[in-house]
N, C-alpha and C. Protein backbone atom coordinates (compact mmCIF):
# COMPACT_ATOMS: atom_id res chain seq x y z
N MET A 1 0.75 -1.15 0.35
CA MET A 1 0.08 -0.15 -0.05
C MET A 1 0.94 1.31 0.04
N HIS A 2 0.76 1.65 -0.88
CA HIS A 2 1.87 2.89 -1.14
C HIS A 2 0.60 4.31 -0.95
N ILE A 3 1.05 5.47 0.10
CA ILE A 3 0.58 6.41 0.04
C ILE A 3 1.62 7.69 -0.22
N ALA A 4 0.93 8.55 -1.19
CA ALA A 4 2.39 9.76 -1.70
C ALA A 4 1.70 11.01 -1.22
N ILE A 5 2.75 11.86 -0.79
CA ILE A 5 2.19 13.23 -0.47
C ILE A 5 2.99 13.91 -1.37
N LEU A 6 2.36 15.00 -2.27
CA LEU A 6 2.75 15.15 -3.03
C LEU A 6 3.15 16.90 -2.34
N THR A 7 4.81 17.04 -2.61
CA THR A 7 5.09 18.09 -1.94
C THR A 7 6.01 18.86 -3.08
N PHE A 8 5.76 20.04 -3.26
CA PHE A 8 6.00 21.15 -4.14
C PHE A 8 7.00 22.04 -3.46
N GLU A 9 8.14 22.62 -4.13
CA GLU A 9 8.52 23.74 -4.04
C GLU A 9 7.53 25.14 -3.17
N GLY A 10 8.48 25.42 -1.78
CA GLY A 10 7.58 26.35 -1.47
C GLY A 10 6.21 25.57 -0.10
N PHE A 11 6.62 24.49 -0.19
CA PHE A 11 5.83 23.88 0.62
C PHE A 11 5.67 23.82 2.00
N ASN A 12 4.55 23.90 2.68
CA ASN A 12 4.13 23.85 3.82
C ASN A 12 4.54 22.77 4.85
N GLU A 13 5.29 22.86 5.62
CA GLU A 13 5.90 21.78 6.35
C GLU A 13 4.63 21.18 7.04
N LEU A 14 4.02 21.97 7.81
CA LEU A 14 2.93 21.07 8.55
C LEU A 14 1.98 20.37 7.77
N ASP A 15 1.48 20.94 6.92
CA ASP A 15 0.63 20.07 5.75
C ASP A 15 1.32 18.57 5.51
N SER A 16 2.53 18.82 4.90
CA SER A 16 3.19 17.73 4.66
C SER A 16 3.74 16.66 5.49
N LEU A 17 4.35 17.26 6.61
CA LEU A 17 4.87 16.36 7.84
C LEU A 17 4.04 15.96 8.69
N ILE A 18 3.15 16.72 9.14
CA ILE A 18 2.42 15.98 9.69
C ILE A 18 1.33 14.99 9.42
N ALA A 19 1.15 14.87 8.31
CA ALA A 19 0.35 13.44 7.31
C ALA A 19 1.30 12.46 7.33
N LEU A 20 2.36 13.17 7.00
CA LEU A 20 3.57 11.80 7.16
C LEU A 20 3.49 11.38 8.07
N GLY A 21 4.04 12.18 9.65
CA GLY A 21 4.25 11.23 10.66
C GLY A 21 2.81 10.63 11.15
N VAL A 22 1.48 11.01 10.89
CA VAL A 22 0.40 10.32 11.24
C VAL A 22 0.07 8.82 10.40
N LEU A 23 0.10 8.90 9.11
CA LEU A 23 0.23 8.23 8.34
C LEU A 23 1.17 6.75 8.54
N ASN A 24 2.57 7.21 9.30
CA ASN A 24 3.88 6.32 9.52
C ASN A 24 3.38 5.50 10.86
N ARG A 25 1.88 5.96 11.51
CA ARG A 25 1.71 5.24 12.73
C ARG A 25 1.43 3.77 12.60
N ILE A 26 0.86 3.29 11.18
CA ILE A 26 0.55 2.14 10.90
C ILE A 26 2.06 1.45 10.25
N LYS A 27 2.10 0.38 11.26
CA LYS A 27 3.27 -0.31 10.93
C LYS A 27 3.07 -1.73 10.65
N LYS A 28 2.93 -2.09 9.04
CA LYS A 28 2.81 -3.43 8.95
C LYS A 28 3.43 -3.33 7.25
N PRO A 29 3.86 -4.75 7.33
CA PRO A 29 4.56 -5.12 5.82
C PRO A 29 3.87 -4.66 4.90
N GLY A 30 4.74 -3.63 3.87
CA GLY A 30 3.92 -3.55 2.70
C GLY A 30 3.51 -1.86 2.89
N TRP A 31 3.19 -1.18 3.78
CA TRP A 31 2.67 0.13 4.13
C TRP A 31 3.77 1.07 3.93
N ARG A 32 3.64 2.00 2.86
CA ARG A 32 4.93 2.86 2.46
C ARG A 32 4.11 4.23 2.25
N VAL A 33 4.78 5.34 3.23
CA VAL A 33 4.60 6.60 2.88
C VAL A 33 5.62 7.52 2.33
N SER A 34 5.27 8.36 1.33
CA SER A 34 6.82 8.65 0.69
C SER A 34 5.91 10.33 0.41
N ILE A 35 7.22 11.34 0.51
CA ILE A 35 6.69 12.51 0.12
C ILE A 35 7.52 12.52 -1.48
N ALA A 36 6.62 12.83 -2.33
CA ALA A 36 6.97 12.65 -3.82
C ALA A 36 6.64 14.41 -4.04
N SER A 37 7.77 14.32 -5.10
CA SER A 37 8.04 15.62 -5.37
C SER A 37 8.61 15.84 -7.05
N PRO A 38 8.12 16.89 -8.05
CA PRO A 38 8.88 16.93 -9.20
C PRO A 38 10.35 16.84 -9.37
N ALA A 39 10.91 17.19 -8.27
CA ALA A 39 12.35 17.52 -8.12
C ALA A 39 13.16 16.66 -7.04
N ALA A 40 14.47 16.44 -7.04
CA ALA A 40 15.20 15.53 -5.90
C ALA A 40 15.07 16.27 -4.61
N ARG A 41 15.02 17.76 -5.00
CA ARG A 41 14.99 18.25 -3.22
C ARG A 41 13.80 19.40 -3.39
N VAL A 42 12.84 19.81 -2.36
CA VAL A 42 12.38 20.89 -2.23
C VAL A 42 12.76 21.79 -1.31
N ARG A 43 12.63 22.90 -1.27
CA ARG A 43 12.64 23.86 -0.36
C ARG A 43 11.35 24.41 0.26
N SER A 44 10.58 24.27 1.77
CA SER A 44 9.64 24.45 2.21
C SER A 44 9.78 26.57 1.86
N MET A 45 8.73 26.66 2.82
CA MET A 45 8.38 28.10 2.49
C MET A 45 8.95 29.01 3.42
N ASN A 46 9.84 28.08 5.05
CA ASN A 46 10.25 28.49 5.60
C ASN A 46 11.88 27.64 5.70
N GLY A 47 12.09 27.23 4.67
CA GLY A 47 13.73 27.24 3.90
C GLY A 47 13.97 25.63 4.79
N VAL A 48 13.14 24.55 4.97
CA VAL A 48 13.38 23.42 5.10
C VAL A 48 13.50 23.17 4.08
N VAL A 49 14.95 21.68 3.71
CA VAL A 49 14.99 21.18 2.38
C VAL A 49 14.55 19.65 2.64
N LEU A 50 14.01 19.21 1.92
CA LEU A 50 13.36 17.72 1.69
C LEU A 50 13.80 17.14 0.52
N GLU A 51 14.72 15.91 0.66
CA GLU A 51 14.75 15.20 -0.29
C GLU A 51 13.55 14.28 -0.53
N ALA A 52 12.91 14.11 -1.89
CA ALA A 52 12.14 13.53 -2.25
C ALA A 52 12.08 12.22 -2.28
N GLN A 53 11.20 11.23 -2.27
CA GLN A 53 11.25 9.66 -1.74
C GLN A 53 10.43 9.20 -2.87
N ALA A 54 9.87 9.76 -3.83
CA ALA A 54 9.35 9.17 -4.88
C ALA A 54 8.39 10.29 -6.28
N SER A 55 8.45 9.75 -7.36
CA SER A 55 8.32 11.09 -8.02
C SER A 55 7.11 11.04 -8.42
N LEU A 56 6.47 12.29 -9.39
CA LEU A 56 5.29 12.18 -9.76
C LEU A 56 4.58 11.13 -10.18
N ARG A 57 5.69 10.50 -11.37
CA ARG A 57 4.80 9.86 -12.09
C ARG A 57 4.57 8.04 -10.86
N GLU A 58 5.30 8.20 -9.88
CA GLU A 58 5.31 7.23 -8.47
C GLU A 58 3.91 7.59 -8.17
N ALA A 59 4.12 8.58 -7.50
CA ALA A 59 2.74 9.20 -6.95
C ALA A 59 1.76 8.96 -8.05
N SER A 60 1.54 9.35 -8.97
CA SER A 60 0.17 8.72 -9.86
C SER A 60 -0.27 7.38 -10.03
N ALA A 61 0.59 6.64 -9.66
CA ALA A 61 0.64 5.15 -9.48
C ALA A 61 -0.14 4.73 -7.83
N ALA A 62 0.03 5.51 -7.04
CA ALA A 62 -0.48 5.05 -5.50
C ALA A 62 -1.35 4.81 -5.34
N ASP A 63 -1.83 4.28 -4.49
CA ASP A 63 -2.91 3.74 -3.48
C ASP A 63 -3.77 4.98 -3.36
N ALA A 64 -3.27 5.95 -2.78
CA ALA A 64 -3.72 6.95 -2.41
C ALA A 64 -2.77 8.26 -2.58
N VAL A 65 -3.07 9.13 -2.70
CA VAL A 65 -2.35 10.76 -2.75
C VAL A 65 -2.81 11.68 -1.99
N ILE A 66 -1.73 12.34 -1.20
CA ILE A 66 -2.41 13.54 -0.56
C ILE A 66 -1.76 14.44 -1.31
N VAL A 67 -2.83 15.76 -1.76
CA VAL A 67 -1.64 17.36 -2.42
C VAL A 67 -1.13 18.02 -1.13
N GLY A 68 -0.33 18.31 -1.16
CA GLY A 68 0.33 19.40 -0.20
C GLY A 68 0.08 20.34 -0.53
N SER A 69 0.13 21.73 0.31
CA SER A 69 -0.05 22.81 0.04
C SER A 69 1.43 23.49 -0.11
N GLY A 70 1.50 24.89 -0.36
CA GLY A 70 2.57 25.69 -0.12
C GLY A 70 2.35 27.01 -1.03
N MET A 71 2.97 28.04 -0.52
CA MET A 71 3.25 29.34 -1.20
C MET A 71 2.99 29.50 -2.93
N LEU A 72 3.60 28.54 -3.25
CA LEU A 72 4.10 28.90 -4.70
C LEU A 72 2.66 27.82 -5.17
N THR A 73 1.41 27.75 -4.88
CA THR A 73 0.21 26.65 -5.22
C THR A 73 -0.29 27.43 -6.67
N ARG A 74 -0.21 28.92 -6.63
CA ARG A 74 -0.79 29.19 -8.02
C ARG A 74 0.03 29.20 -9.73
N GLU A 75 1.24 29.38 -8.72
CA GLU A 75 2.69 29.02 -9.81
C GLU A 75 2.40 27.35 -10.15
N ILE A 76 1.89 26.77 -9.28
CA ILE A 76 2.41 25.17 -10.10
C ILE A 76 1.28 24.77 -10.83
N VAL A 77 0.05 25.32 -10.49
CA VAL A 77 -1.09 25.16 -11.27
C VAL A 77 -1.09 25.91 -12.67
N ALA A 78 -0.32 26.80 -12.73
CA ALA A 78 -0.25 27.38 -14.07
C ALA A 78 0.95 26.77 -14.89
N ASP A 79 1.59 26.10 -13.88
CA ASP A 79 2.57 25.19 -14.82
C ASP A 79 2.04 24.02 -15.68
N THR A 80 1.84 24.06 -17.14
CA THR A 80 0.72 23.01 -17.85
C THR A 80 1.78 21.64 -17.57
N GLU A 81 2.95 21.44 -17.57
CA GLU A 81 3.92 20.64 -18.18
C GLU A 81 4.08 20.11 -16.67
N LEU A 82 4.38 20.81 -16.08
CA LEU A 82 3.65 20.13 -14.44
C LEU A 82 2.39 19.37 -14.17
N MET A 83 1.47 20.31 -14.01
CA MET A 83 0.44 19.16 -14.01
C MET A 83 -0.14 18.26 -14.93
N ALA A 84 0.37 18.32 -16.33
CA ALA A 84 0.46 17.05 -16.82
C ALA A 84 0.75 15.94 -16.35
N GLN A 85 1.73 15.99 -15.71
CA GLN A 85 2.39 15.16 -14.93
C GLN A 85 1.46 14.18 -13.73
N LEU A 86 0.55 14.83 -13.83
CA LEU A 86 -0.42 14.69 -12.40
C LEU A 86 -1.38 13.13 -12.74
N GLN A 87 -1.02 12.28 -12.78
CA GLN A 87 -2.22 11.42 -13.65
C GLN A 87 -3.21 10.84 -12.49
N LEU A 88 -4.07 11.67 -11.77
CA LEU A 88 -4.71 11.16 -10.80
C LEU A 88 -6.05 10.95 -11.14
N ASP A 89 -6.54 9.70 -10.50
CA ASP A 89 -7.77 9.06 -10.78
C ASP A 89 -8.64 8.64 -9.53
N PRO A 90 -9.55 9.34 -9.46
CA PRO A 90 -10.55 8.73 -8.02
C PRO A 90 -11.38 7.55 -8.05
N ALA A 91 -11.35 7.44 -9.24
CA ALA A 91 -11.93 5.47 -9.41
C ALA A 91 -10.76 4.67 -8.96
N LYS A 92 -9.49 5.16 -9.19
CA LYS A 92 -8.67 4.19 -8.82
C LYS A 92 -7.78 4.07 -7.56
N GLN A 93 -7.60 5.69 -7.12
CA GLN A 93 -7.04 6.35 -5.70
C GLN A 93 -8.18 6.72 -5.13
N LEU A 94 -7.30 6.75 -3.69
CA LEU A 94 -7.99 7.79 -2.98
C LEU A 94 -7.26 9.23 -2.52
N LEU A 95 -7.87 10.15 -3.04
CA LEU A 95 -7.50 11.43 -3.46
C LEU A 95 -7.77 12.84 -2.20
N GLY A 96 -6.74 13.16 -1.69
CA GLY A 96 -6.69 14.34 -0.23
C GLY A 96 -6.17 15.12 -1.23
N ALA A 97 -6.67 16.26 -0.41
CA ALA A 97 -5.99 17.73 -0.69
C ALA A 97 -5.77 18.49 0.72
N GLN A 98 -4.94 19.07 0.84
CA GLN A 98 -4.60 19.75 2.36
C GLN A 98 -4.44 21.50 1.81
N CYS A 99 -5.39 22.07 2.20
CA CYS A 99 -5.45 23.90 2.18
C CYS A 99 -5.45 24.20 0.83
N SER A 100 -4.11 24.84 0.33
CA SER A 100 -3.91 25.33 -1.41
C SER A 100 -3.75 23.99 -2.18
N GLY A 101 -3.83 22.54 -1.54
CA GLY A 101 -3.79 21.25 -2.68
C GLY A 101 -4.78 21.61 -3.42
N THR A 102 -6.31 21.69 -2.59
CA THR A 102 -7.42 21.66 -3.38
C THR A 102 -7.50 22.51 -4.34
N LEU A 103 -6.64 23.87 -4.62
CA LEU A 103 -7.06 24.32 -6.11
C LEU A 103 -6.42 23.54 -7.07
N VAL A 104 -5.13 22.56 -6.70
CA VAL A 104 -4.70 21.87 -7.94
C VAL A 104 -5.64 20.68 -8.06
N LEU A 105 -6.42 19.99 -7.27
CA LEU A 105 -7.49 19.17 -7.62
C LEU A 105 -8.41 19.97 -8.51
N ALA A 106 -8.92 21.24 -7.94
CA ALA A 106 -9.94 22.22 -8.91
C ALA A 106 -9.48 22.04 -10.39
N ARG A 107 -7.95 22.51 -10.74
CA ARG A 107 -7.45 22.80 -11.94
C ARG A 107 -7.41 21.54 -12.52
N LEU A 108 -7.28 20.22 -12.14
CA LEU A 108 -7.07 18.89 -12.49
C LEU A 108 -8.69 18.69 -12.72
N GLY A 109 -10.02 19.31 -12.17
CA GLY A 109 -11.05 18.52 -13.00
C GLY A 109 -11.48 17.98 -11.93
N LEU A 110 -11.09 17.51 -10.71
CA LEU A 110 -11.15 16.30 -9.96
C LEU A 110 -12.51 16.75 -8.98
N LEU A 111 -12.74 18.09 -8.76
CA LEU A 111 -13.71 18.89 -7.85
C LEU A 111 -15.22 19.44 -8.61
N ASP A 112 -15.56 18.52 -9.73
CA ASP A 112 -16.46 19.23 -10.47
C ASP A 112 -17.45 18.54 -9.82
N GLY A 113 -18.40 19.76 -9.47
CA GLY A 113 -19.62 19.28 -8.77
C GLY A 113 -19.66 18.94 -6.90
N VAL A 114 -18.47 19.02 -6.76
CA VAL A 114 -18.24 18.86 -5.43
C VAL A 114 -17.72 19.87 -4.44
N PRO A 115 -18.16 20.08 -3.54
CA PRO A 115 -17.57 21.03 -2.73
C PRO A 115 -16.65 20.59 -1.93
N ALA A 116 -15.66 21.80 -1.72
CA ALA A 116 -14.76 21.49 -0.80
C ALA A 116 -14.01 22.46 0.63
N CYS A 117 -13.19 21.81 1.08
CA CYS A 117 -12.13 22.68 2.31
C CYS A 117 -11.09 23.47 1.64
N THR A 118 -10.41 24.52 2.02
CA THR A 118 -9.50 24.64 1.74
C THR A 118 -8.65 25.67 3.10
N ASP A 119 -7.54 26.47 2.97
CA ASP A 119 -7.53 27.48 4.18
C ASP A 119 -8.15 29.11 3.13
N LEU A 120 -7.91 29.66 4.37
CA LEU A 120 -8.78 31.01 4.19
C LEU A 120 -8.07 32.07 3.26
N THR A 121 -6.58 31.80 2.62
CA THR A 121 -5.82 32.50 1.97
C THR A 121 -6.56 32.34 0.54
N THR A 122 -6.60 30.50 0.54
CA THR A 122 -6.60 29.96 -0.89
C THR A 122 -8.04 29.98 -1.25
N LYS A 123 -9.18 30.46 -0.28
CA LYS A 123 -10.69 30.04 -0.84
C LYS A 123 -10.72 30.98 -1.78
N PRO A 124 -10.61 32.25 -2.13
CA PRO A 124 -10.79 32.85 -3.23
C PRO A 124 -10.44 31.94 -4.60
N TRP A 125 -9.49 31.84 -4.33
CA TRP A 125 -8.77 31.13 -5.96
C TRP A 125 -9.39 29.74 -6.21
N VAL A 126 -9.91 29.06 -5.08
CA VAL A 126 -10.42 27.91 -5.31
C VAL A 126 -12.20 28.22 -6.18
N GLU A 127 -12.56 29.34 -5.19
CA GLU A 127 -13.90 29.74 -5.32
C GLU A 127 -13.90 30.28 -7.07
N GLU A 128 -13.11 30.58 -7.41
CA GLU A 128 -12.73 31.29 -8.82
C GLU A 128 -12.50 30.02 -10.03
N ALA A 129 -12.18 29.37 -9.61
CA ALA A 129 -12.05 28.08 -10.34
C ALA A 129 -13.24 26.86 -10.42
N GLY A 130 -14.55 27.43 -9.82
CA GLY A 130 -15.64 27.51 -9.90
C GLY A 130 -16.02 25.84 -8.62
N VAL A 131 -15.30 25.89 -7.95
CA VAL A 131 -15.33 24.67 -6.73
C VAL A 131 -16.23 25.60 -5.36
N ASP A 132 -17.28 25.25 -4.87
CA ASP A 132 -17.67 25.93 -3.72
C ASP A 132 -17.24 25.75 -2.66
N VAL A 133 -16.80 26.42 -1.74
CA VAL A 133 -15.83 26.11 -0.69
C VAL A 133 -16.72 26.08 0.82
N LEU A 134 -16.50 25.16 1.44
CA LEU A 134 -17.13 24.96 2.78
C LEU A 134 -15.98 25.65 4.12
N ASN A 135 -17.13 26.19 5.04
CA ASN A 135 -16.70 26.91 6.30
C ASN A 135 -16.01 25.78 7.24
N GLN A 136 -15.51 24.24 6.68
CA GLN A 136 -15.77 23.55 7.79
C GLN A 136 -14.29 22.94 7.84
N PRO A 137 -13.54 22.09 8.38
CA PRO A 137 -12.08 21.20 8.40
C PRO A 137 -11.99 20.37 7.63
N PHE A 138 -13.51 19.90 7.25
CA PHE A 138 -13.09 18.53 6.25
C PHE A 138 -13.78 18.16 5.74
N PHE A 139 -13.95 17.76 4.37
CA PHE A 139 -15.41 17.15 3.92
C PHE A 139 -14.80 15.64 2.76
N ALA A 140 -15.48 15.09 2.64
CA ALA A 140 -15.13 13.78 1.58
C ALA A 140 -16.45 13.63 1.08
N ARG A 141 -15.99 13.23 -0.57
CA ARG A 141 -17.29 12.58 -1.16
C ARG A 141 -16.39 11.27 -2.02
N GLY A 142 -17.33 10.24 -2.04
CA GLY A 142 -16.45 9.33 -2.33
C GLY A 142 -15.11 8.98 -2.34
N ASN A 143 -14.20 9.00 -3.38
CA ASN A 143 -12.57 8.77 -2.95
C ASN A 143 -11.81 9.92 -2.85
N VAL A 144 -12.62 11.25 -2.89
CA VAL A 144 -12.03 12.44 -2.89
C VAL A 144 -12.39 13.46 -1.41
N ALA A 145 -11.02 13.84 -0.83
CA ALA A 145 -11.43 14.47 0.32
C ALA A 145 -10.45 15.57 0.32
N THR A 146 -10.93 16.76 0.76
CA THR A 146 -9.88 17.88 0.95
C THR A 146 -10.19 18.64 2.61
N ALA A 147 -9.10 18.91 3.04
CA ALA A 147 -9.03 19.77 4.53
C ALA A 147 -8.83 20.97 4.27
N GLY A 148 -8.89 21.82 5.42
CA GLY A 148 -8.47 23.32 5.38
C GLY A 148 -8.40 23.72 6.51
N GLY A 149 -7.02 24.43 6.79
CA GLY A 149 -6.33 24.72 8.09
C GLY A 149 -5.41 23.70 7.88
N CYS A 150 -4.25 24.46 8.52
CA CYS A 150 -2.84 23.25 8.96
C CYS A 150 -3.31 22.17 9.46
N LEU A 151 -3.75 22.30 10.79
CA LEU A 151 -4.00 21.09 12.21
C LEU A 151 -5.21 20.68 11.80
N ALA A 152 -5.92 20.55 10.25
CA ALA A 152 -7.19 19.70 10.04
C ALA A 152 -6.16 18.88 9.44
N SER A 153 -4.65 18.69 8.91
CA SER A 153 -4.17 17.77 8.55
C SER A 153 -4.01 16.18 9.12
N PRO A 154 -4.25 16.19 10.43
CA PRO A 154 -4.79 14.71 10.62
C PRO A 154 -6.27 14.06 10.41
N TYR A 155 -7.09 14.84 9.78
CA TYR A 155 -8.39 14.49 9.70
C TYR A 155 -7.97 13.92 8.62
N LEU A 156 -7.27 14.31 7.81
CA LEU A 156 -6.77 13.75 6.41
C LEU A 156 -6.16 12.21 6.36
N ALA A 157 -5.28 12.37 7.32
CA ALA A 157 -4.19 11.42 7.30
C ALA A 157 -5.17 10.09 7.98
N ALA A 158 -6.56 10.63 8.92
CA ALA A 158 -7.26 9.62 9.45
C ALA A 158 -8.03 9.07 8.44
N TRP A 159 -9.00 9.63 7.55
CA TRP A 159 -9.47 9.50 6.72
C TRP A 159 -8.98 8.64 5.64
N ILE A 160 -7.61 8.71 5.57
CA ILE A 160 -6.78 7.48 4.51
C ILE A 160 -6.95 6.37 5.50
N ILE A 161 -6.49 6.29 6.51
CA ILE A 161 -6.03 5.32 7.42
C ILE A 161 -7.40 4.54 7.40
N ALA A 162 -8.70 5.12 7.43
CA ALA A 162 -9.82 4.22 7.85
C ALA A 162 -10.64 3.60 6.87
N ARG A 163 -10.37 4.46 5.73
CA ARG A 163 -10.56 3.83 4.63
C ARG A 163 -9.66 2.51 3.81
N LEU A 164 -8.37 2.31 4.22
CA LEU A 164 -7.62 1.58 3.74
C LEU A 164 -6.96 0.52 4.95
N GLU A 165 -7.23 1.04 6.53
CA GLU A 165 -7.38 0.00 7.53
C GLU A 165 -8.27 -0.10 8.11
N GLY A 166 -9.26 0.57 8.75
CA GLY A 166 -10.16 0.60 9.39
C GLY A 166 -10.14 1.92 10.49
N THR A 167 -11.69 2.34 11.11
CA THR A 167 -11.41 3.18 12.35
C THR A 167 -10.76 2.67 13.20
N GLU A 168 -10.61 1.60 13.48
CA GLU A 168 -9.78 1.38 14.93
C GLU A 168 -8.08 1.99 14.32
N ALA A 169 -7.73 1.72 13.38
CA ALA A 169 -6.57 2.12 13.14
C ALA A 169 -6.48 3.42 13.13
N ALA A 170 -7.36 4.25 12.96
CA ALA A 170 -7.43 5.74 12.53
C ALA A 170 -7.06 6.24 13.75
N GLU A 171 -8.21 5.68 14.69
CA GLU A 171 -8.22 6.01 16.03
C GLU A 171 -7.06 5.96 16.93
N SER A 172 -5.99 4.99 16.75
CA SER A 172 -4.89 4.22 17.28
C SER A 172 -4.18 5.69 16.63
N ALA A 173 -4.02 5.80 15.23
CA ALA A 173 -2.99 6.62 14.74
C ALA A 173 -3.19 7.96 15.65
N LEU A 174 -4.44 8.55 15.43
CA LEU A 174 -4.61 9.84 16.45
C LEU A 174 -4.51 9.66 17.45
N HIS A 175 -4.44 8.66 18.31
CA HIS A 175 -4.35 8.78 20.00
C HIS A 175 -3.21 9.11 19.89
N TYR A 176 -2.22 8.33 19.58
CA TYR A 176 -0.88 8.72 19.51
C TYR A 176 -0.12 9.74 19.86
N VAL A 177 -0.63 10.36 18.64
CA VAL A 177 -0.30 12.00 18.13
C VAL A 177 -0.49 13.07 19.14
N ALA A 178 -2.14 12.74 19.60
CA ALA A 178 -2.64 13.70 20.41
C ALA A 178 -2.22 14.07 21.60
N PRO A 179 -2.32 15.36 21.77
CA PRO A 179 -1.47 16.27 23.63
C PRO A 179 -1.99 15.17 24.60
N VAL A 180 -1.25 14.59 25.24
CA VAL A 180 -1.26 14.13 26.80
C VAL A 180 -2.25 14.70 27.51
N GLY A 181 -3.51 13.90 28.42
CA GLY A 181 -4.16 14.80 28.91
C GLY A 181 -5.74 15.36 28.00
N GLU A 182 -5.54 14.62 26.90
CA GLU A 182 -6.77 15.22 25.90
C GLU A 182 -6.83 14.29 24.91
N LYS A 183 -5.99 13.26 24.99
CA LYS A 183 -6.17 12.07 23.94
C LYS A 183 -7.68 11.70 23.53
N GLU A 184 -8.37 11.67 24.65
CA GLU A 184 -9.52 10.70 24.13
C GLU A 184 -10.72 11.91 23.37
N ASP A 185 -10.42 13.18 24.24
CA ASP A 185 -11.18 14.39 23.45
C ASP A 185 -10.88 14.37 22.38
N TYR A 186 -8.87 14.63 21.85
CA TYR A 186 -9.01 15.08 20.52
C TYR A 186 -9.55 13.78 19.27
N VAL A 187 -8.99 12.97 20.01
CA VAL A 187 -9.41 11.86 18.66
C VAL A 187 -10.99 11.57 18.41
N ALA A 188 -12.17 11.70 19.73
CA ALA A 188 -13.24 12.12 19.56
C ALA A 188 -13.73 12.90 18.46
N ARG A 189 -12.79 14.43 18.67
CA ARG A 189 -13.37 15.56 18.04
C ARG A 189 -12.67 15.04 16.36
N ALA A 190 -11.50 14.65 16.45
CA ALA A 190 -11.13 14.47 14.79
C ALA A 190 -12.37 13.10 13.99
N MET A 191 -12.75 12.59 14.75
CA MET A 191 -13.22 11.30 14.32
C MET A 191 -14.65 11.82 14.07
N ARG A 192 -15.36 12.77 14.98
CA ARG A 192 -16.80 13.32 14.42
C ARG A 192 -16.49 14.19 13.24
N ASN A 193 -15.10 14.64 12.71
CA ASN A 193 -15.42 15.38 11.53
C ASN A 193 -15.08 14.43 10.36
N ILE A 194 -14.71 13.06 10.64
CA ILE A 194 -14.61 12.63 9.19
C ILE A 194 -15.65 11.34 9.07
N MET A 195 -16.39 10.78 10.38
CA MET A 195 -17.34 9.85 10.18
C MET A 195 -18.15 9.91 9.24
N PRO A 196 -19.13 10.82 9.70
CA PRO A 196 -20.31 11.28 8.33
C PRO A 196 -19.43 10.62 7.20
N TYR A 197 -18.72 10.79 6.69
CA TYR A 197 -18.07 10.23 5.16
C TYR A 197 -17.78 8.94 5.03
N LEU A 198 -17.30 8.50 6.27
CA LEU A 198 -17.12 7.02 6.37
C LEU A 198 -17.93 6.11 6.59
N ASN A 199 -19.45 6.55 7.34
CA ASN A 199 -20.55 6.49 7.36
C ASN A 199 -21.13 6.21 5.89
N GLU A 200 -21.22 7.45 4.77
CA GLU A 200 -21.65 7.36 3.73
C GLU A 200 -21.20 6.38 2.65
N LYS A 201 -20.07 6.30 2.74
CA LYS A 201 -18.89 5.23 2.01
C LYS A 201 -19.43 3.91 2.68
N LEU A 202 -20.04 3.70 3.74
CA LEU A 202 -20.09 2.29 3.70
C LEU A 202 -21.77 1.95 3.80
N ALA A 203 -22.49 2.93 3.85
CA ALA A 203 -23.51 3.04 3.35
C ALA A 203 -24.00 2.76 1.99
N ALA A 204 -22.91 2.68 1.04
CA ALA A 204 -23.02 2.86 -0.71
C ALA A 204 -22.70 1.84 -0.92
N ALA A 205 -21.93 0.97 0.31
CA ALA A 205 -21.27 -0.55 -0.20
C ALA A 205 -22.25 -1.53 -0.26
């Protein structure tokens, strides 16, 4: 099982690395979580340099993909050559977008008729792309989910874990990273945000 986190130049560390940490709480053979980038190295909005663990081509073949956010997302979606490398398919993959990553999914035509979450800075750009933006941290329809706000990143990671490994695995991963003394409340709040969309999927099955 391969989960790729698309991480571009100017990326937001919280969005990519929190998801990476939560998803890597699953310890089983074959479970792989990768930072996927268009270059061998990418520099964050605060100057942190990461080495890519997977290419965009590998990400396009992953079982699940999270599109991370960053300060250069509008330049990324304007780069037709780069966007053409993103061969994402919700019929075959779980797709998630964090904050301005929602704009990437919108420009790829993967949010047609689907409302979405994003951060407040990106909201007008996503609306310009023809997508209704919700005032909530998480939303999913079918195999596509979006999250708004850096600290909604664990919700997106938990949704992917729940879809691939079940709700108990998602709760366990969240419990590990939650603040001491607040673990039960934190897990309950996070699961309240994603359970309606998991129940929707189960009802359709």
